[in-house]
């Protein structure tokens, strides 16, 4: 401790009860407290009181060094929250009350369960629709496909969707902060459409033995959350901001568009023509914008990680579903439906010849992005073959359906192996941790600037 002769002019020695040590306070503050008749600026007194609560220890030097000490304190606090590798290493609460503070340790299961897990539901549920289509479309009668296959797949889909829903609801309850980070993630936010898309698929693939006429209230209940999500996403596309389309556009953005076409298809199947046309129009408008943006590959676009390259197949989904939806609205597979189908078929072939999209990457949940598009294309082809019935269209329908079934089987078996044998299907969710690190760094910087402004007044 320095002697009183080293005190800065205008400062006075006092005792700080928060630090149990001596500290030096500018005379303007002490003068205000000891001499109430002589008033000082209220805002300086307010800042002094705030300082006592946000600073665990007041540095023992003059006011000129107080700002630098505050900034150093903020930087030290920030570095303590982040591991040297740059990922979020703050202690996370597990379901058992324990803490996980290192990426080398295995996080609790709920923290490792991403919203992209609903991609499994999309793949299996769409497969149930495929086998229902093979069984009921007249042009495919020569295959003699039984509706029993559709019933079995639909039951599996129902169990899988219910299980994933339950697990993610538990994650919302116990780890809401992690869910919030996923919601603000530029890629993960698109998967928040997946739960409702999976439910739409369940409604479309329901076996005739269970019901042939679904109540219209189901359509309104499923489309309401999709509409709310679209108002947020499309609103950001319009007025910009952190998630503007020119910066955050990626193939997973198709999930925010395809829900309109699936909803239009289900609505038209229920006889809701106006609602079906409304969502078809909304989907068509925003799909056009998204399609052009993705093809331009603007320099402002964030690069897509190599592990997520399978999601490029989502390019096939919107035109595949749109052609069937419009055919349901119109009552037949007209020229608009054919144009949409041919776009989907071309994109399918264009992606299929890109061998690098299939190899060189470790298996992950992202591989389920293959199954959903590879199922949408054969369903559209089957309905097209029902309008243009010949050997070529039938052969194409069978070939694409076989590829879809094989792909789903391969991915499903791989998922079981990695999930129950290798136990590496759900690794630590590092991207969300990095997002948290970036947010904390910005928050600490803003807090430091705010404190500096306080002391400069």
Foldseek 3Di string as FASTA:
>chain_A
DDDPVPADPQWDWDAQPLQRDIAIDGNLQVVCVVPVVDHDDPLLVVLVVVCSVVDSDQDRHDLVCRLVVLLVVLVVVLPVQADPVQFGQHWDQEPVRDTGRDLVDFGHPLLLQALLLLLLLLLLLLLLLLLVLLCPQVLNVVVVRDNVVSVVSLVVSVVVLVVSVVSNVVSCVRPVVLVVLLCVDLQSVLSVLSSLVSVLSSLSNPRVVVPQADDPVVLVVSVVVLVVSLCVLVVCCVPPDPNHCLASQDLSCLSNQQVLLSSLQSCLSNVNQVSSVVSLVVSVVVVVVSVVSVVVPDPNYDDDDLQLLLSLLSVLRNLLSNLNSVCSNVVHRDPVSVVSLVVSVVSVVVVVPPCSSPDDHDDESSLSSNQNSLSSNLSSLSRVCSVVPDPVSNVVSVVSSVVNVVSSVVSVVVLCCCVPPVNNHRRRPRVSRSSVSVVSVVVSVVVSVVSSVSSVD
